[in-house]
Amino acid sequence: MRKRPKSQFLFCDRWFDRHWIVRNMEAFQDLIVVILCLSLFGVMLMQLWSIFIALTQQIEYKQVTAKILFILILVELFRLLIIYLQEHSIAVGVAVEVTIVSVLREVVVHGALEISWIQGASICALLLILGGLLIVCAKTPHMDCISANTKSCPIVYFEDNQLQKECEFERPASMQKRR
């Protein structure tokens, strides 16, 4: 009895072409991400304009600093979307960086002295956890790196070189046995 391949549906006539559907859904997702990128770019331009207006009028440093940090958050989100477009996966390290900057922005906006000690301790714990996660993300190779099997991924490339060297030593011995 022959088993069916995993890529086929249970329908015998294959009413749906799964590869065509997935390809079109990925293209639609890419379109959504491009629209989000353009929207983020527009919001960044509007925020830059509002900073310029705020600097020409009476300066409130707290609001200008909050707007600048907000632009940095938008830049990091833009970078996250660009990485998604290139690799079709979310860069967790960049997302953690965005979260850290967002938390620090809220501390700057509300003022460190106006925050209760419980909120301060919570923010410190959150920043410690995010910092630890950022260190783990920096030390762990990306899954695309491992699956791509390229020289830029040291783990896979080293293992493949080891296997190739072992195969080179085994081939002559096996060829001699056949003779």
N, C-alpha and C. Protein backbone atom coordinates (compact mmCIF):
# COMPACT_ATOMS: atom_id res chain seq x y z
N MET A 1 0.84 -1.17 0.00
CA MET A 1 0.00 0.00 0.00
C MET A 1 0.89 1.24 0.00
N ARG A 2 0.66 2.12 -0.95
CA ARG A 2 1.47 3.32 -1.11
C ARG A 2 0.89 4.46 -0.30
N LYS A 3 1.75 5.14 0.48
CA LYS A 3 1.29 6.28 1.26
C LYS A 3 1.30 7.52 0.37
N ARG A 4 0.38 8.43 0.68
CA ARG A 4 0.33 9.66 -0.08
C ARG A 4 1.41 10.62 0.41
N PRO A 5 1.99 11.43 -0.48
CA PRO A 5 2.96 12.44 -0.05
C PRO A 5 2.29 13.49 0.83
N LYS A 6 3.07 14.10 1.72
CA LYS A 6 2.51 15.07 2.65
C LYS A 6 2.02 16.32 1.94
N SER A 7 2.54 16.62 0.77
CA SER A 7 2.15 17.85 0.10
C SER A 7 0.79 17.76 -0.57
N GLN A 8 0.20 16.57 -0.67
CA GLN A 8 -1.09 16.43 -1.30
C GLN A 8 -2.21 16.53 -0.27
N PHE A 9 -3.34 17.04 -0.71
CA PHE A 9 -4.52 17.09 0.14
C PHE A 9 -5.18 15.71 0.18
N LEU A 10 -6.16 15.60 1.04
CA LEU A 10 -6.90 14.35 1.10
C LEU A 10 -7.82 14.19 -0.10
N PHE A 11 -8.11 15.29 -0.79
CA PHE A 11 -8.98 15.22 -1.97
C PHE A 11 -8.24 14.50 -3.09
N CYS A 12 -8.93 13.58 -3.74
CA CYS A 12 -8.27 12.84 -4.81
C CYS A 12 -8.09 13.69 -6.07
N ASP A 13 -8.95 14.67 -6.28
CA ASP A 13 -8.86 15.50 -7.49
C ASP A 13 -7.97 16.73 -7.29
N ARG A 14 -7.52 16.98 -6.07
CA ARG A 14 -6.72 18.16 -5.73
C ARG A 14 -7.44 19.42 -6.20
N TRP A 15 -8.58 19.70 -5.56
CA TRP A 15 -9.39 20.86 -5.90
C TRP A 15 -8.61 22.15 -5.72
N PHE A 16 -7.72 22.16 -4.73
CA PHE A 16 -6.96 23.36 -4.44
C PHE A 16 -5.48 23.10 -4.69
N ASP A 17 -4.84 24.06 -5.30
CA ASP A 17 -3.39 23.97 -5.47
C ASP A 17 -2.75 24.72 -4.31
N ARG A 18 -2.26 23.96 -3.35
CA ARG A 18 -1.73 24.54 -2.12
C ARG A 18 -0.56 25.48 -2.39
N HIS A 19 0.33 25.13 -3.30
CA HIS A 19 1.49 25.98 -3.58
C HIS A 19 1.07 27.32 -4.17
N TRP A 20 0.08 27.31 -5.04
CA TRP A 20 -0.41 28.55 -5.64
C TRP A 20 -1.04 29.44 -4.57
N ILE A 21 -1.81 28.84 -3.66
CA ILE A 21 -2.47 29.59 -2.59
C ILE A 21 -1.42 30.21 -1.67
N VAL A 22 -0.45 29.41 -1.26
CA VAL A 22 0.59 29.91 -0.35
C VAL A 22 1.39 31.02 -1.01
N ARG A 23 1.74 30.86 -2.28
CA ARG A 23 2.51 31.87 -3.01
C ARG A 23 1.74 33.19 -3.08
N ASN A 24 0.46 33.12 -3.35
CA ASN A 24 -0.35 34.34 -3.44
C ASN A 24 -0.57 34.97 -2.07
N MET A 25 -0.74 34.15 -1.03
CA MET A 25 -0.89 34.70 0.31
C MET A 25 0.39 35.39 0.77
N GLU A 26 1.55 34.84 0.43
CA GLU A 26 2.82 35.48 0.77
C GLU A 26 2.97 36.81 0.04
N ALA A 27 2.54 36.85 -1.22
CA ALA A 27 2.60 38.11 -1.97
C ALA A 27 1.67 39.14 -1.34
N PHE A 28 0.51 38.71 -0.90
CA PHE A 28 -0.43 39.63 -0.25
C PHE A 28 0.14 40.13 1.08
N GLN A 29 0.78 39.24 1.83
CA GLN A 29 1.42 39.67 3.08
C GLN A 29 2.53 40.68 2.80
N ASP A 30 3.31 40.43 1.77
CA ASP A 30 4.36 41.39 1.40
C ASP A 30 3.77 42.74 1.05
N LEU A 31 2.65 42.75 0.36
CA LEU A 31 1.98 44.01 0.03
C LEU A 31 1.54 44.74 1.29
N ILE A 32 0.99 44.01 2.25
CA ILE A 32 0.58 44.62 3.52
C ILE A 32 1.78 45.22 4.24
N VAL A 33 2.90 44.50 4.26
CA VAL A 33 4.10 44.99 4.94
C VAL A 33 4.65 46.22 4.23
N VAL A 34 4.60 46.25 2.91
CA VAL A 34 5.06 47.43 2.17
C VAL A 34 4.17 48.63 2.49
N ILE A 35 2.87 48.42 2.57
CA ILE A 35 1.96 49.51 2.95
C ILE A 35 2.26 50.00 4.36
N LEU A 36 2.53 49.07 5.28
CA LEU A 36 2.91 49.46 6.64
C LEU A 36 4.22 50.25 6.65
N CYS A 37 5.18 49.85 5.83
CA CYS A 37 6.45 50.58 5.74
C CYS A 37 6.22 52.00 5.24
N LEU A 38 5.42 52.15 4.21
CA LEU A 38 5.14 53.48 3.68
C LEU A 38 4.39 54.33 4.70
N SER A 39 3.47 53.73 5.42
CA SER A 39 2.74 54.45 6.46
C SER A 39 3.68 54.90 7.58
N LEU A 40 4.55 54.01 8.02
CA LEU A 40 5.52 54.38 9.04
C LEU A 40 6.43 55.50 8.57
N PHE A 41 6.83 55.45 7.32
CA PHE A 41 7.67 56.51 6.77
C PHE A 41 6.93 57.84 6.79
N GLY A 42 5.65 57.83 6.44
CA GLY A 42 4.85 59.05 6.48
C GLY A 42 4.71 59.59 7.90
N VAL A 43 4.49 58.70 8.86
CA VAL A 43 4.37 59.13 10.26
C VAL A 43 5.70 59.72 10.74
N MET A 44 6.81 59.11 10.32
CA MET A 44 8.12 59.66 10.70
C MET A 44 8.32 61.06 10.15
N LEU A 45 7.91 61.27 8.91
CA LEU A 45 8.04 62.61 8.32
C LEU A 45 7.17 63.63 9.05
N MET A 46 5.96 63.23 9.42
CA MET A 46 5.08 64.13 10.17
C MET A 46 5.67 64.45 11.55
N GLN A 47 6.25 63.47 12.20
CA GLN A 47 6.87 63.71 13.51
C GLN A 47 8.09 64.61 13.38
N LEU A 48 8.88 64.43 12.33
CA LEU A 48 10.01 65.33 12.11
C LEU A 48 9.54 66.77 11.90
N TRP A 49 8.46 66.93 11.16
CA TRP A 49 7.91 68.26 10.92
C TRP A 49 7.42 68.87 12.24
N SER A 50 6.78 68.07 13.09
CA SER A 50 6.30 68.60 14.36
C SER A 50 7.47 68.96 15.29
N ILE A 51 8.57 68.21 15.21
CA ILE A 51 9.75 68.57 16.00
C ILE A 51 10.33 69.89 15.49
N PHE A 52 10.37 70.05 14.19
CA PHE A 52 10.88 71.30 13.62
C PHE A 52 10.02 72.48 14.07
N ILE A 53 8.70 72.32 14.04
CA ILE A 53 7.79 73.38 14.49
C ILE A 53 8.00 73.65 15.98
N ALA A 54 8.16 72.60 16.78
CA ALA A 54 8.36 72.77 18.23
C ALA A 54 9.66 73.49 18.53
N LEU A 55 10.68 73.26 17.71
CA LEU A 55 11.97 73.93 17.94
C LEU A 55 11.93 75.41 17.56
N THR A 56 11.08 75.77 16.60
CA THR A 56 10.99 77.18 16.21
C THR A 56 10.13 77.98 17.18
N GLN A 57 9.28 77.32 17.92
CA GLN A 57 8.43 78.01 18.89
C GLN A 57 9.01 77.82 20.29
N GLN A 58 8.21 78.01 21.27
CA GLN A 58 8.66 77.83 22.64
C GLN A 58 9.04 76.37 22.86
N ILE A 59 10.23 76.13 23.36
CA ILE A 59 10.77 74.78 23.49
C ILE A 59 10.36 74.16 24.82
N GLU A 60 9.74 72.99 24.71
CA GLU A 60 9.48 72.15 25.87
C GLU A 60 10.31 70.89 25.67
N TYR A 61 11.40 70.82 26.40
CA TYR A 61 12.38 69.76 26.18
C TYR A 61 11.82 68.37 26.39
N LYS A 62 10.93 68.24 27.33
CA LYS A 62 10.36 66.92 27.61
C LYS A 62 9.57 66.40 26.41
N GLN A 63 8.77 67.27 25.78
CA GLN A 63 7.99 66.85 24.63
C GLN A 63 8.87 66.61 23.41
N VAL A 64 9.88 67.45 23.21
CA VAL A 64 10.78 67.27 22.07
C VAL A 64 11.56 65.96 22.22
N THR A 65 12.03 65.69 23.43
CA THR A 65 12.74 64.43 23.68
C THR A 65 11.83 63.23 23.46
N ALA A 66 10.60 63.32 23.90
CA ALA A 66 9.64 62.23 23.69
C ALA A 66 9.39 62.00 22.20
N LYS A 67 9.29 63.11 21.44
CA LYS A 67 9.06 62.97 19.99
C LYS A 67 10.27 62.36 19.30
N ILE A 68 11.48 62.75 19.72
CA ILE A 68 12.68 62.18 19.13
C ILE A 68 12.77 60.69 19.43
N LEU A 69 12.48 60.30 20.67
CA LEU A 69 12.49 58.88 21.00
C LEU A 69 11.40 58.12 20.25
N PHE A 70 10.26 58.78 20.03
CA PHE A 70 9.19 58.15 19.25
C PHE A 70 9.66 57.90 17.81
N ILE A 71 10.40 58.85 17.25
CA ILE A 71 10.93 58.65 15.89
C ILE A 71 11.93 57.49 15.88
N LEU A 72 12.75 57.38 16.92
CA LEU A 72 13.68 56.25 16.99
C LEU A 72 12.93 54.92 17.06
N ILE A 73 11.83 54.90 17.79
CA ILE A 73 11.00 53.68 17.85
C ILE A 73 10.43 53.36 16.47
N LEU A 74 9.97 54.39 15.77
CA LEU A 74 9.43 54.16 14.42
C LEU A 74 10.51 53.68 13.46
N VAL A 75 11.72 54.20 13.61
CA VAL A 75 12.83 53.75 12.76
C VAL A 75 13.12 52.27 13.01
N GLU A 76 13.12 51.87 14.28
CA GLU A 76 13.36 50.46 14.60
C GLU A 76 12.23 49.57 14.09
N LEU A 77 10.99 50.03 14.18
CA LEU A 77 9.87 49.26 13.62
C LEU A 77 9.99 49.15 12.10
N PHE A 78 10.42 50.23 11.47
CA PHE A 78 10.64 50.22 10.03
C PHE A 78 11.71 49.19 9.68
N ARG A 79 12.79 49.17 10.46
CA ARG A 79 13.86 48.18 10.24
C ARG A 79 13.34 46.76 10.43
N LEU A 80 12.47 46.57 11.42
CA LEU A 80 11.88 45.26 11.67
C LEU A 80 11.04 44.81 10.47
N LEU A 81 10.28 45.72 9.89
CA LEU A 81 9.47 45.38 8.72
C LEU A 81 10.35 45.08 7.50
N ILE A 82 11.44 45.82 7.34
CA ILE A 82 12.35 45.57 6.22
C ILE A 82 12.98 44.19 6.36
N ILE A 83 13.40 43.84 7.57
CA ILE A 83 13.96 42.50 7.80
C ILE A 83 12.92 41.43 7.50
N TYR A 84 11.66 41.71 7.87
CA TYR A 84 10.61 40.74 7.57
C TYR A 84 10.45 40.57 6.06
N LEU A 85 10.51 41.67 5.32
CA LEU A 85 10.39 41.57 3.87
C LEU A 85 11.54 40.77 3.27
N GLN A 86 12.73 40.91 3.82
CA GLN A 86 13.88 40.21 3.27
C GLN A 86 13.90 38.73 3.63
N GLU A 87 13.61 38.42 4.89
CA GLU A 87 13.78 37.05 5.37
C GLU A 87 12.48 36.30 5.63
N HIS A 88 11.35 37.00 5.62
CA HIS A 88 10.05 36.41 5.94
C HIS A 88 10.03 35.77 7.33
N SER A 89 10.73 36.43 8.25
CA SER A 89 10.68 36.03 9.65
C SER A 89 10.94 37.27 10.49
N ILE A 90 10.45 37.23 11.71
CA ILE A 90 10.59 38.37 12.62
C ILE A 90 11.94 38.27 13.32
N ALA A 91 12.67 39.37 13.33
CA ALA A 91 13.94 39.43 14.05
C ALA A 91 13.62 39.76 15.51
N VAL A 92 13.75 38.77 16.38
CA VAL A 92 13.38 38.94 17.78
C VAL A 92 14.28 39.97 18.45
N GLY A 93 15.55 40.01 18.08
CA GLY A 93 16.47 40.98 18.66
C GLY A 93 16.05 42.40 18.40
N VAL A 94 15.61 42.68 17.18
CA VAL A 94 15.15 44.04 16.84
C VAL A 94 13.87 44.36 17.60
N ALA A 95 12.97 43.39 17.73
CA ALA A 95 11.74 43.62 18.47
C ALA A 95 12.03 43.91 19.95
N VAL A 96 13.02 43.23 20.52
CA VAL A 96 13.40 43.49 21.90
C VAL A 96 14.01 44.89 22.03
N GLU A 97 14.82 45.30 21.05
CA GLU A 97 15.38 46.65 21.06
C GLU A 97 14.28 47.70 21.02
N VAL A 98 13.27 47.48 20.20
CA VAL A 98 12.15 48.42 20.11
C VAL A 98 11.43 48.50 21.46
N THR A 99 11.25 47.36 22.11
CA THR A 99 10.57 47.35 23.40
C THR A 99 11.38 48.09 24.47
N ILE A 100 12.69 47.90 24.45
CA ILE A 100 13.54 48.60 25.43
C ILE A 100 13.46 50.11 25.23
N VAL A 101 13.55 50.55 23.97
CA VAL A 101 13.47 51.99 23.70
C VAL A 101 12.08 52.52 24.07
N SER A 102 11.04 51.75 23.85
CA SER A 102 9.68 52.18 24.21
C SER A 102 9.53 52.36 25.71
N VAL A 103 10.07 51.41 26.48
CA VAL A 103 9.99 51.51 27.93
C VAL A 103 10.76 52.73 28.41
N LEU A 104 11.96 52.93 27.87
CA LEU A 104 12.76 54.09 28.27
C LEU A 104 12.09 55.40 27.87
N ARG A 105 11.38 55.40 26.74
CA ARG A 105 10.65 56.60 26.32
C ARG A 105 9.57 56.95 27.33
N GLU A 106 8.85 55.94 27.79
CA GLU A 106 7.80 56.19 28.77
C GLU A 106 8.37 56.73 30.08
N VAL A 107 9.55 56.24 30.47
CA VAL A 107 10.19 56.76 31.67
C VAL A 107 10.58 58.22 31.47
N VAL A 108 11.10 58.55 30.28
CA VAL A 108 11.49 59.94 30.01
C VAL A 108 10.27 60.84 29.96
N VAL A 109 9.20 60.40 29.33
CA VAL A 109 7.99 61.22 29.19
C VAL A 109 7.35 61.49 30.55
N HIS A 110 7.22 60.47 31.37
CA HIS A 110 6.54 60.63 32.65
C HIS A 110 7.47 61.12 33.75
N GLY A 111 8.76 61.01 33.53
CA GLY A 111 9.71 61.46 34.53
C GLY A 111 10.00 60.37 35.53
N ALA A 112 11.29 60.16 35.80
CA ALA A 112 11.69 59.09 36.72
C ALA A 112 11.27 59.40 38.14
N LEU A 113 11.16 60.68 38.49
CA LEU A 113 10.80 61.03 39.86
C LEU A 113 9.31 60.91 40.12
N GLU A 114 8.50 60.93 39.08
CA GLU A 114 7.05 60.86 39.23
C GLU A 114 6.53 59.42 39.28
N ILE A 115 7.40 58.46 39.03
CA ILE A 115 7.01 57.06 39.01
C ILE A 115 7.10 56.50 40.43
N SER A 116 6.10 55.73 40.84
CA SER A 116 6.13 55.12 42.18
C SER A 116 7.22 54.05 42.23
N TRP A 117 7.58 53.65 43.44
CA TRP A 117 8.66 52.69 43.59
C TRP A 117 8.28 51.32 43.05
N ILE A 118 7.01 50.98 43.09
CA ILE A 118 6.56 49.69 42.55
C ILE A 118 6.69 49.69 41.02
N GLN A 119 6.26 50.78 40.41
CA GLN A 119 6.41 50.88 38.96
C GLN A 119 7.88 50.92 38.56
N GLY A 120 8.70 51.61 39.34
CA GLY A 120 10.13 51.67 39.07
C GLY A 120 10.78 50.30 39.15
N ALA A 121 10.41 49.55 40.18
CA ALA A 121 10.94 48.19 40.32
C ALA A 121 10.47 47.29 39.18
N SER A 122 9.22 47.46 38.78
CA SER A 122 8.68 46.68 37.66
C SER A 122 9.41 47.02 36.36
N ILE A 123 9.66 48.30 36.15
CA ILE A 123 10.37 48.72 34.94
C ILE A 123 11.79 48.17 34.95
N CYS A 124 12.45 48.22 36.10
CA CYS A 124 13.81 47.66 36.21
C CYS A 124 13.81 46.16 35.91
N ALA A 125 12.85 45.43 36.47
CA ALA A 125 12.77 43.99 36.21
C ALA A 125 12.51 43.71 34.73
N LEU A 126 11.62 44.49 34.14
CA LEU A 126 11.32 44.31 32.71
C LEU A 126 12.56 44.59 31.87
N LEU A 127 13.29 45.65 32.20
CA LEU A 127 14.50 45.97 31.44
C LEU A 127 15.58 44.91 31.63
N LEU A 128 15.69 44.35 32.83
CA LEU A 128 16.66 43.26 33.04
C LEU A 128 16.29 42.03 32.21
N ILE A 129 15.01 41.70 32.19
CA ILE A 129 14.56 40.54 31.41
C ILE A 129 14.79 40.78 29.92
N LEU A 130 14.44 41.98 29.45
CA LEU A 130 14.64 42.30 28.03
C LEU A 130 16.13 42.32 27.68
N GLY A 131 16.96 42.83 28.59
CA GLY A 131 18.40 42.81 28.36
C GLY A 131 18.94 41.39 28.26
N GLY A 132 18.46 40.52 29.14
CA GLY A 132 18.86 39.11 29.07
C GLY A 132 18.41 38.46 27.77
N LEU A 133 17.20 38.76 27.36
CA LEU A 133 16.69 38.23 26.10
C LEU A 133 17.50 38.75 24.92
N LEU A 134 17.91 40.00 24.98
CA LEU A 134 18.73 40.58 23.92
C LEU A 134 20.08 39.89 23.85
N ILE A 135 20.66 39.57 24.99
CA ILE A 135 21.95 38.85 25.01
C ILE A 135 21.78 37.45 24.43
N VAL A 136 20.69 36.77 24.80
CA VAL A 136 20.43 35.43 24.27
C VAL A 136 20.23 35.48 22.75
N CYS A 137 19.50 36.50 22.27
CA CYS A 137 19.28 36.64 20.83
C CYS A 137 20.58 36.91 20.09
N ALA A 138 21.48 37.66 20.72
CA ALA A 138 22.76 37.96 20.08
C ALA A 138 23.65 36.72 20.00
N LYS A 139 23.56 35.84 20.99
CA LYS A 139 24.40 34.65 21.03
C LYS A 139 23.86 33.50 20.18
N THR A 140 22.55 33.50 19.95
CA THR A 140 21.91 32.40 19.22
C THR A 140 21.85 32.73 17.73
N PRO A 141 22.33 31.82 16.88
CA PRO A 141 22.24 32.09 15.44
C PRO A 141 20.79 32.05 14.98
N HIS A 142 20.51 32.82 13.98
CA HIS A 142 19.16 32.92 13.45
C HIS A 142 18.79 31.63 12.73
N MET A 143 17.52 31.25 12.79
CA MET A 143 17.07 30.00 12.16
C MET A 143 17.30 30.01 10.65
N ASP A 144 17.17 31.18 10.00
CA ASP A 144 17.44 31.25 8.57
C ASP A 144 18.90 30.96 8.29
N CYS A 145 19.76 31.39 9.20
CA CYS A 145 21.18 31.13 9.06
C CYS A 145 21.45 29.63 9.09
N ILE A 146 20.82 28.93 10.00
CA ILE A 146 21.03 27.50 10.13
C ILE A 146 20.47 26.75 8.93
N SER A 147 19.29 27.15 8.46
CA SER A 147 18.67 26.44 7.34
C SER A 147 19.30 26.80 6.01
N ALA A 148 19.96 27.96 5.91
CA ALA A 148 20.54 28.38 4.64
C ALA A 148 21.83 27.63 4.32
N ASN A 149 22.54 27.15 5.36
CA ASN A 149 23.77 26.40 5.18
C ASN A 149 24.79 27.21 4.38
N THR A 150 25.08 28.40 4.83
CA THR A 150 26.04 29.27 4.15
C THR A 150 27.25 29.51 5.02
N LYS A 151 28.26 30.15 4.44
CA LYS A 151 29.48 30.46 5.17
C LYS A 151 29.24 31.50 6.26
N SER A 152 28.17 32.31 6.13
CA SER A 152 27.90 33.33 7.14
C SER A 152 27.36 32.73 8.44
N CYS A 153 26.95 31.47 8.40
CA CYS A 153 26.50 30.79 9.62
C CYS A 153 27.61 29.84 10.07
N PRO A 154 28.35 30.22 11.09
CA PRO A 154 29.53 29.42 11.48
C PRO A 154 29.22 28.02 11.96
N ILE A 155 28.07 27.82 12.58
CA ILE A 155 27.76 26.50 13.15
C ILE A 155 27.58 25.47 12.05
N VAL A 156 26.71 25.76 11.11
CA VAL A 156 26.39 24.80 10.04
C VAL A 156 27.59 24.62 9.13
N TYR A 157 28.26 25.72 8.80
CA TYR A 157 29.40 25.64 7.89
C TYR A 157 30.51 24.79 8.50
N PHE A 158 30.77 24.94 9.80
CA PHE A 158 31.80 24.16 10.48
C PHE A 158 31.43 22.69 10.48
N GLU A 159 30.16 22.37 10.79
CA GLU A 159 29.73 20.97 10.81
C GLU A 159 29.82 20.34 9.43
N ASP A 160 29.44 21.10 8.38
CA ASP A 160 29.52 20.56 7.02
C ASP A 160 30.96 20.32 6.60
N ASN A 161 31.86 21.22 6.98
CA ASN A 161 33.27 21.02 6.66
C ASN A 161 33.80 19.77 7.35
N GLN A 162 33.39 19.52 8.59
CA GLN A 162 33.81 18.32 9.30
C GLN A 162 33.32 17.07 8.58
N LEU A 163 32.04 17.10 8.14
CA LEU A 163 31.48 15.95 7.42
C LEU A 163 32.19 15.72 6.10
N GLN A 164 32.50 16.80 5.36
CA GLN A 164 33.20 16.67 4.08
C GLN A 164 34.58 16.07 4.28
N LYS A 165 35.29 16.52 5.32
CA LYS A 165 36.64 15.98 5.57
C LYS A 165 36.56 14.50 5.93
N GLU A 166 35.55 14.13 6.72
CA GLU A 166 35.39 12.72 7.07
C GLU A 166 35.07 11.88 5.84
N CYS A 167 34.25 12.42 4.95
CA CYS A 167 33.89 11.70 3.74
C CYS A 167 35.09 11.54 2.81
N GLU A 168 35.95 12.55 2.75
CA GLU A 168 37.14 12.47 1.90
C GLU A 168 38.07 11.37 2.38
N PHE A 169 38.19 11.19 3.68
CA PHE A 169 39.06 10.14 4.20
C PHE A 169 38.44 8.77 4.02
N GLU A 170 37.12 8.68 4.02
CA GLU A 170 36.45 7.39 3.89
C GLU A 170 36.36 6.92 2.45
N ARG A 171 36.29 7.81 1.49
CA ARG A 171 36.11 7.41 0.08
C ARG A 171 37.26 6.56 -0.44
N PRO A 172 38.50 6.99 -0.28
CA PRO A 172 39.55 6.12 -0.83
C PRO A 172 39.55 4.72 -0.22
N ALA A 173 39.27 4.60 1.04
CA ALA A 173 39.23 3.28 1.68
C ALA A 173 38.09 2.43 1.12
N SER A 174 36.96 3.04 0.89
CA SER A 174 35.82 2.29 0.36
C SER A 174 36.05 1.92 -1.10
N MET A 175 36.74 2.78 -1.84
CA MET A 175 37.02 2.45 -3.25
C MET A 175 38.01 1.30 -3.34
N GLN A 176 38.96 1.23 -2.43
CA GLN A 176 39.93 0.16 -2.45
C GLN A 176 39.28 -1.17 -2.10
N LYS A 177 38.27 -1.15 -1.23
CA LYS A 177 37.59 -2.38 -0.86
C LYS A 177 36.81 -2.95 -2.04
N ARG A 178 36.29 -2.05 -2.91
CA ARG A 178 35.49 -2.51 -4.05
C ARG A 178 36.37 -3.20 -5.08
N ARG A 179 37.62 -2.82 -5.18
CA ARG A 179 38.51 -3.42 -6.19
C ARG A 179 38.86 -4.79 -5.77
